[in-house]
Every structure is written in C-alpha cells, then in structure tokens.
Amino acid sequence: MPKKKIFIADDREEVLSMLKELLTSKGFEVMVSKEPEQLIKLIKNFEPHLILLDLLMPDLDGFEICRMLNSDAEAQTIPIIIMSGLSDLVDIKRAYKLGVVGYLIKPFDLNTVVAEIQKAIANKESPQ
C-alpha cells in the first residue's frame, strides 16, 4: 500500500521539521514548504492526500491560499487542516467557510495532529 502524502506549509522551520519528523515516523510521505507563492505548483506536483496549512505566513496568508486551492480543479478536493496561533472564533469560522476540514490551534498536541490527519483522510476515502 503506498504511503499517504501530507503537504505542510508553514513559515517556521522548527514547525516544519518537527511535523515532518513526526509524520514520517508514522508512515506518511511528507513534503514541506516555507514559500507561500510556490504552494499551488508544489501541491499539484506532489498530489498530497492532505494539506497542513499555517494561516499566518508572510506575503500570502492561509486564507488566500485556501481560496486559491478552492478555485483550482485539481487541488480543490484535497482536505486542508489549518494550524494557527489564531484562536479567535471569527478566524476559525472564516477558515471553515473556506472548506477546511480541521483547525488546530498552536501550540498543538502532536497526537492530536496525527489523529486529525488520519480522520480527515479516512473521511475523504469513505464513500459518501
């Protein structure tokens, strides 16, 4: 069975390396990026089963990235889980309105991250 692929976008190197190490150890294939303007191209080439997306990044925020992914025929079916320091209900509701499947508030529990990823992938793969 091929590994499930996770794409992680965050502007902080320590978050990327921690999550990549964790998810690789759990059997996922992981690609990370700190460059928001390259995300769409990278995501389309990598074809992930799920995207972990930070909201607060320089140049292009996670809300805008969600809108861009939603308007792309290939990328719009990929589940997105937000990870953010923004814990305000307004931000959380705004993210869910853009179609995200989960919202993790930083700092998050690593077991929760893995559980959310597994749940989102299972939901996407189960017949509706």
C-alpha atoms as a PDB file:
ATOM      1  CA  MET A   1       0.000   0.000   0.000  1.00  0.00           C
ATOM      2  CA  PRO A   2       1.519   3.354  -1.000  1.00  0.00           C
ATOM      3  CA  LYS A   3       2.192   5.880   1.740  1.00  0.00           C
ATOM      4  CA  LYS A   4      -0.301   8.666   2.281  1.00  0.00           C
ATOM      5  CA  LYS A   5       1.177  12.018   1.291  1.00  0.00           C
ATOM      6  CA  ILE A   6       0.999  15.087   3.504  1.00  0.00           C
ATOM      7  CA  PHE A   7       1.958  18.588   2.379  1.00  0.00           C
ATOM      8  CA  ILE A   8       2.884  21.031   5.157  1.00  0.00           C
ATOM      9  CA  ALA A   9       3.059  24.797   4.630  1.00  0.00           C
ATOM     10  CA  ASP A  10       4.422  26.930   7.463  1.00  0.00           C
ATOM     11  CA  ASP A  11       6.884  29.816   7.594  1.00  0.00           C
ATOM     12  CA  ARG A  12       8.670  28.470  10.689  1.00  0.00           C
ATOM     13  CA  GLU A  13      11.452  25.968  10.091  1.00  0.00           C
ATOM     14  CA  GLU A  14      11.100  24.394  13.547  1.00  0.00           C
ATOM     15  CA  VAL A  15       7.414  23.617  12.944  1.00  0.00           C
ATOM     16  CA  LEU A  16       8.166  22.105   9.540  1.00  0.00           C
ATOM     17  CA  SER A  17      10.993  19.898  10.803  1.00  0.00           C
ATOM     18  CA  MET A  18       9.061  18.750  13.907  1.00  0.00           C
ATOM     19  CA  LEU A  19       5.971  17.812  11.880  1.00  0.00           C
ATOM     20  CA  LYS A  20       7.966  16.209   9.078  1.00  0.00           C
ATOM     21  CA  GLU A  21       9.856  14.038  11.560  1.00  0.00           C
ATOM     22  CA  LEU A  22       6.656  13.072  13.406  1.00  0.00           C
ATOM     23  CA  LEU A  23       4.635  12.251  10.285  1.00  0.00           C
ATOM     24  CA  THR A  24       7.473  10.407   8.559  1.00  0.00           C
ATOM     25  CA  SER A  25       7.824   8.247  11.687  1.00  0.00           C
ATOM     26  CA  LYS A  26       4.070   7.493  11.424  1.00  0.00           C
ATOM     27  CA  GLY A  27       4.499   6.211   7.865  1.00  0.00           C
ATOM     28  CA  PHE A  28       3.486   9.271   5.847  1.00  0.00           C
ATOM     29  CA  GLU A  29       5.362  10.697   2.895  1.00  0.00           C
ATOM     30  CA  VAL A  30       5.880  14.381   3.678  1.00  0.00           C
ATOM     31  CA  MET A  31       6.729  17.486   1.662  1.00  0.00           C
ATOM     32  CA  VAL A  32       7.218  20.843   3.368  1.00  0.00           C
ATOM     33  CA  SER A  33       7.380  24.420   2.122  1.00  0.00           C
ATOM     34  CA  LYS A  34       8.039  27.844   3.604  1.00  0.00           C
ATOM     35  CA  GLU A  35       7.353  29.625   0.308  1.00  0.00           C
ATOM     36  CA  PRO A  36       3.657  30.549   0.002  1.00  0.00           C
ATOM     37  CA  GLU A  37       3.899  31.742  -3.586  1.00  0.00           C
ATOM     38  CA  GLN A  38       5.153  28.308  -4.717  1.00  0.00           C
ATOM     39  CA  LEU A  39       2.492  26.302  -2.875  1.00  0.00           C
ATOM     40  CA  ILE A  40      -0.047  25.695  -5.617  1.00  0.00           C
ATOM     41  CA  LYS A  41       2.571  24.425  -8.042  1.00  0.00           C
ATOM     42  CA  LEU A  42       4.253  22.256  -5.398  1.00  0.00           C
ATOM     43  CA  ILE A  43       0.935  20.832  -4.220  1.00  0.00           C
ATOM     44  CA  LYS A  44      -0.167  19.952  -7.760  1.00  0.00           C
ATOM     45  CA  ASN A  45       3.158  18.202  -8.440  1.00  0.00           C
ATOM     46  CA  PHE A  46       3.190  16.312  -5.117  1.00  0.00           C
ATOM     47  CA  GLU A  47      -0.526  15.328  -5.186  1.00  0.00           C
ATOM     48  CA  PRO A  48      -0.962  15.056  -1.394  1.00  0.00           C
ATOM     49  CA  HIS A  49      -3.801  13.284   0.378  1.00  0.00           C
ATOM     50  CA  LEU A  50      -3.949  16.192   2.851  1.00  0.00           C
ATOM     51  CA  ILE A  51      -2.543  19.686   3.416  1.00  0.00           C
ATOM     52  CA  LEU A  52      -1.490  21.115   6.795  1.00  0.00           C
ATOM     53  CA  LEU A  53      -1.578  24.875   6.364  1.00  0.00           C
ATOM     54  CA  ASP A  54      -0.433  27.718   8.589  1.00  0.00           C
ATOM     55  CA  LEU A  55      -2.612  30.832   8.393  1.00  0.00           C
ATOM     56  CA  LEU A  56      -0.034  33.470   9.274  1.00  0.00           C
ATOM     57  CA  MET A  57       2.703  33.496   6.658  1.00  0.00           C
ATOM     58  CA  PRO A  58       4.478  36.420   5.012  1.00  0.00           C
ATOM     59  CA  ASP A  59       3.318  37.592   1.579  1.00  0.00           C
ATOM     60  CA  LEU A  60       0.357  35.228   1.275  1.00  0.00           C
ATOM     61  CA  ASP A  61      -1.825  34.176   4.197  1.00  0.00           C
ATOM     62  CA  GLY A  62      -3.514  30.812   4.647  1.00  0.00           C
ATOM     63  CA  PHE A  63      -6.972  32.213   3.897  1.00  0.00           C
ATOM     64  CA  GLU A  64      -5.780  33.391   0.489  1.00  0.00           C
ATOM     65  CA  ILE A  65      -4.074  30.043  -0.140  1.00  0.00           C
ATOM     66  CA  CYS A  66      -7.361  28.253   0.691  1.00  0.00           C
ATOM     67  CA  ARG A  67      -9.179  30.452  -1.836  1.00  0.00           C
ATOM     68  CA  MET A  68      -6.534  29.681  -4.475  1.00  0.00           C
ATOM     69  CA  LEU A  69      -6.757  25.929  -3.817  1.00  0.00           C
ATOM     70  CA  ASN A  70     -10.561  26.060  -3.900  1.00  0.00           C
ATOM     71  CA  SER A  71     -10.501  27.689  -7.320  1.00  0.00           C
ATOM     72  CA  ASP A  72      -8.182  25.017  -8.764  1.00  0.00           C
ATOM     73  CA  ALA A  73      -9.980  21.958 -10.166  1.00  0.00           C
ATOM     74  CA  GLU A  74      -7.187  19.525  -9.206  1.00  0.00           C
ATOM     75  CA  ALA A  75      -6.404  20.964  -5.775  1.00  0.00           C
ATOM     76  CA  GLN A  76      -9.907  21.721  -4.505  1.00  0.00           C
ATOM     77  CA  THR A  77     -10.586  18.111  -3.481  1.00  0.00           C
ATOM     78  CA  ILE A  78      -7.572  17.905  -1.138  1.00  0.00           C
ATOM     79  CA  PRO A  79      -8.601  18.187   2.540  1.00  0.00           C
ATOM     80  CA  ILE A  80      -6.965  21.083   4.405  1.00  0.00           C
ATOM     81  CA  ILE A  81      -6.267  21.244   8.124  1.00  0.00           C
ATOM     82  CA  ILE A  82      -5.339  24.682   9.419  1.00  0.00           C
ATOM     83  CA  MET A  83      -2.697  25.072  12.118  1.00  0.00           C
ATOM     84  CA  SER A  84      -2.562  28.536  13.562  1.00  0.00           C
ATOM     85  CA  GLY A  85      -1.909  30.699  16.571  1.00  0.00           C
ATOM     86  CA  LEU A  86      -5.172  32.473  15.728  1.00  0.00           C
ATOM     87  CA  SER A  87      -7.676  31.179  18.263  1.00  0.00           C
ATOM     88  CA  ASP A  88     -10.408  33.774  17.722  1.00  0.00           C
ATOM     89  CA  LEU A  89     -13.758  32.258  16.746  1.00  0.00           C
ATOM     90  CA  VAL A  90     -14.025  34.716  13.837  1.00  0.00           C
ATOM     91  CA  ASP A  91     -10.829  33.304  12.283  1.00  0.00           C
ATOM     92  CA  ILE A  92     -11.878  29.710  12.917  1.00  0.00           C
ATOM     93  CA  LYS A  93     -15.314  30.268  11.323  1.00  0.00           C
ATOM     94  CA  ARG A  94     -13.691  32.050   8.375  1.00  0.00           C
ATOM     95  CA  ALA A  95     -11.430  29.040   7.790  1.00  0.00           C
ATOM     96  CA  TYR A  96     -14.318  26.556   7.936  1.00  0.00           C
ATOM     97  CA  LYS A  97     -16.305  28.718   5.486  1.00  0.00           C
ATOM     98  CA  LEU A  98     -13.400  28.205   3.075  1.00  0.00           C
ATOM     99  CA  GLY A  99     -13.916  24.463   3.353  1.00  0.00           C
ATOM    100  CA  VAL A 100     -11.160  23.333   5.719  1.00  0.00           C
ATOM    101  CA  VAL A 101     -11.758  20.001   7.486  1.00  0.00           C
ATOM    102  CA  GLY A 102      -9.919  20.817  10.709  1.00  0.00           C
ATOM    103  CA  TYR A 103      -8.433  23.670  12.725  1.00  0.00           C
ATOM    104  CA  LEU A 104      -5.577  23.109  15.183  1.00  0.00           C
ATOM    105  CA  ILE A 105      -4.566  25.948  17.490  1.00  0.00           C
ATOM    106  CA  LYS A 106      -0.824  26.302  18.128  1.00  0.00           C
ATOM    107  CA  PRO A 107       0.807  25.064  20.226  1.00  0.00           C
ATOM    108  CA  PHE A 108      -0.905  21.767  19.441  1.00  0.00           C
ATOM    109  CA  ASP A 109      -0.579  18.271  20.803  1.00  0.00           C
ATOM    110  CA  LEU A 110       1.278  16.056  18.319  1.00  0.00           C
ATOM    111  CA  ASN A 111      -1.032  13.090  18.921  1.00  0.00           C
ATOM    112  CA  THR A 112      -3.980  15.328  18.064  1.00  0.00           C
ATOM    113  CA  VAL A 113      -2.306  16.334  14.800  1.00  0.00           C
ATOM    114  CA  VAL A 114      -1.866  12.687  13.776  1.00  0.00           C
ATOM    115  CA  ALA A 115      -5.433  11.813  14.813  1.00  0.00           C
ATOM    116  CA  GLU A 116      -6.881  14.748  12.830  1.00  0.00           C
ATOM    117  CA  ILE A 117      -4.887  13.787   9.738  1.00  0.00           C
ATOM    118  CA  GLN A 118      -5.969  10.151   9.918  1.00  0.00           C
ATOM    119  CA  LYS A 119      -9.614  11.156  10.462  1.00  0.00           C
ATOM    120  CA  ALA A 120      -9.604  13.607   7.527  1.00  0.00           C
ATOM    121  CA  ILE A 121      -8.024  11.086   5.136  1.00  0.00           C
ATOM    122  CA  ALA A 122     -10.451   8.357   6.243  1.00  0.00           C
ATOM    123  CA  ASN A 123     -13.415  10.718   5.752  1.00  0.00           C
ATOM    124  CA  LYS A 124     -12.243  11.632   2.257  1.00  0.00           C
ATOM    125  CA  GLU A 125     -11.763   7.982   1.265  1.00  0.00           C
ATOM    126  CA  SER A 126     -15.025   6.651   2.695  1.00  0.00           C
ATOM    127  CA  PRO A 127     -17.946   6.597   0.284  1.00  0.00           C
ATOM    128  CA  GLN A 128     -20.338   9.488   0.859  1.00  0.00           C
END
